[in-house]
Amino acid sequence: MKNFIIENGKKKELTKEELKKLKAKNVTEVIKEMTPDELEAFKKARYEKFIKPLIDGNLEELDRKRR
């Protein structure tokens, strides 16, 4: 599994050593520690912020192609 961070608006791949120095947790670890309510709120926020805009954009493009 590759590890990335966003630095100054650019994606940077991290080595395992660099990741350990950050003292950061991976999203999978954080999700495992969430309560059911926190997990549900996280899923909703992720859907609203990332997934819904992609779906809406794809639907708009399909409508444009149909015309």
C-alpha atoms as a PDB file:
ATOM      1  CA  MET A   1       0.000   0.000   0.000  1.00  0.00           C
ATOM      2  CA  LYS A   2       1.358   3.397  -0.974  1.00  0.00           C
ATOM      3  CA  ASN A   3       1.280   6.331   1.415  1.00  0.00           C
ATOM      4  CA  PHE A   4       0.760   9.891   0.282  1.00  0.00           C
ATOM      5  CA  ILE A   5       0.434  13.331   1.786  1.00  0.00           C
ATOM      6  CA  ILE A   6      -0.553  16.613   0.208  1.00  0.00           C
ATOM      7  CA  GLU A   7       2.144  19.233   0.645  1.00  0.00           C
ATOM      8  CA  ASN A   8       1.750  22.729  -0.801  1.00  0.00           C
ATOM      9  CA  GLY A   9      -1.087  21.463  -2.980  1.00  0.00           C
ATOM     10  CA  LYS A  10       1.030  18.672  -4.486  1.00  0.00           C
ATOM     11  CA  LYS A  11       0.831  14.934  -3.817  1.00  0.00           C
ATOM     12  CA  LYS A  12       3.984  13.438  -2.323  1.00  0.00           C
ATOM     13  CA  GLU A  13       4.613   9.709  -1.926  1.00  0.00           C
ATOM     14  CA  LEU A  14       6.131   8.751   1.417  1.00  0.00           C
ATOM     15  CA  THR A  15       8.530   5.985   2.305  1.00  0.00           C
ATOM     16  CA  LYS A  16       7.782   3.880   5.385  1.00  0.00           C
ATOM     17  CA  GLU A  17      10.479   5.761   7.306  1.00  0.00           C
ATOM     18  CA  GLU A  18       8.995   9.156   6.407  1.00  0.00           C
ATOM     19  CA  LEU A  19       5.538   7.957   7.430  1.00  0.00           C
ATOM     20  CA  LYS A  20       6.805   6.796  10.834  1.00  0.00           C
ATOM     21  CA  LYS A  21       8.448  10.199  11.422  1.00  0.00           C
ATOM     22  CA  LEU A  22       5.097  11.942  10.869  1.00  0.00           C
ATOM     23  CA  LYS A  23       3.514  10.088  13.776  1.00  0.00           C
ATOM     24  CA  ALA A  24       0.328  10.008  11.761  1.00  0.00           C
ATOM     25  CA  LYS A  25      -2.336   7.348  11.613  1.00  0.00           C
ATOM     26  CA  ASN A  26      -3.597   5.806   8.448  1.00  0.00           C
ATOM     27  CA  VAL A  27      -7.299   6.330   7.636  1.00  0.00           C
ATOM     28  CA  THR A  28      -8.045   2.624   8.031  1.00  0.00           C
ATOM     29  CA  GLU A  29      -6.704   2.665  11.592  1.00  0.00           C
ATOM     30  CA  VAL A  30      -8.703   5.752  12.483  1.00  0.00           C
ATOM     31  CA  ILE A  31     -11.917   4.263  11.062  1.00  0.00           C
ATOM     32  CA  LYS A  32     -11.457   1.091  13.142  1.00  0.00           C
ATOM     33  CA  GLU A  33     -11.320   3.240  16.303  1.00  0.00           C
ATOM     34  CA  MET A  34     -14.529   5.176  15.513  1.00  0.00           C
ATOM     35  CA  THR A  35     -17.800   4.629  17.313  1.00  0.00           C
ATOM     36  CA  PRO A  36     -20.776   3.683  15.107  1.00  0.00           C
ATOM     37  CA  ASP A  37     -22.080   7.278  15.281  1.00  0.00           C
ATOM     38  CA  GLU A  38     -18.698   8.742  14.338  1.00  0.00           C
ATOM     39  CA  LEU A  39     -18.360   6.261  11.486  1.00  0.00           C
ATOM     40  CA  GLU A  40     -21.808   7.145  10.128  1.00  0.00           C
ATOM     41  CA  ALA A  41     -21.000  10.879  10.293  1.00  0.00           C
ATOM     42  CA  PHE A  42     -17.664  10.257   8.546  1.00  0.00           C
ATOM     43  CA  LYS A  43     -19.333   8.276   5.755  1.00  0.00           C
ATOM     44  CA  LYS A  44     -21.947  10.989   5.251  1.00  0.00           C
ATOM     45  CA  ALA A  45     -19.328  13.754   5.150  1.00  0.00           C
ATOM     46  CA  ARG A  46     -17.166  11.770   2.705  1.00  0.00           C
ATOM     47  CA  TYR A  47     -20.164  11.155   0.470  1.00  0.00           C
ATOM     48  CA  GLU A  48     -21.200  14.827   0.481  1.00  0.00           C
ATOM     49  CA  LYS A  49     -17.676  16.130  -0.103  1.00  0.00           C
ATOM     50  CA  PHE A  50     -16.231  13.641  -2.578  1.00  0.00           C
ATOM     51  CA  ILE A  51     -18.652  11.103  -4.019  1.00  0.00           C
ATOM     52  CA  LYS A  52     -21.740  13.234  -4.656  1.00  0.00           C
ATOM     53  CA  PRO A  53     -19.852  15.879  -6.700  1.00  0.00           C
ATOM     54  CA  LEU A  54     -18.362  13.123  -8.874  1.00  0.00           C
ATOM     55  CA  ILE A  55     -21.749  11.529  -9.452  1.00  0.00           C
ATOM     56  CA  ASP A  56     -23.364  14.902 -10.199  1.00  0.00           C
ATOM     57  CA  GLY A  57     -20.573  15.784 -12.624  1.00  0.00           C
ATOM     58  CA  ASN A  58     -20.934  12.468 -14.430  1.00  0.00           C
ATOM     59  CA  LEU A  59     -24.705  12.885 -14.708  1.00  0.00           C
ATOM     60  CA  GLU A  60     -24.299  16.395 -16.131  1.00  0.00           C
ATOM     61  CA  GLU A  61     -21.809  15.104 -18.692  1.00  0.00           C
ATOM     62  CA  LEU A  62     -24.178  12.303 -19.711  1.00  0.00           C
ATOM     63  CA  ASP A  63     -26.977  14.854 -20.173  1.00  0.00           C
ATOM     64  CA  ARG A  64     -24.717  16.981 -22.379  1.00  0.00           C
ATOM     65  CA  LYS A  65     -23.789  13.961 -24.513  1.00  0.00           C
ATOM     66  CA  ARG A  66     -27.443  13.003 -24.968  1.00  0.00           C
ATOM     67  CA  ARG A  67     -28.352  16.438 -26.355  1.00  0.00           C
END
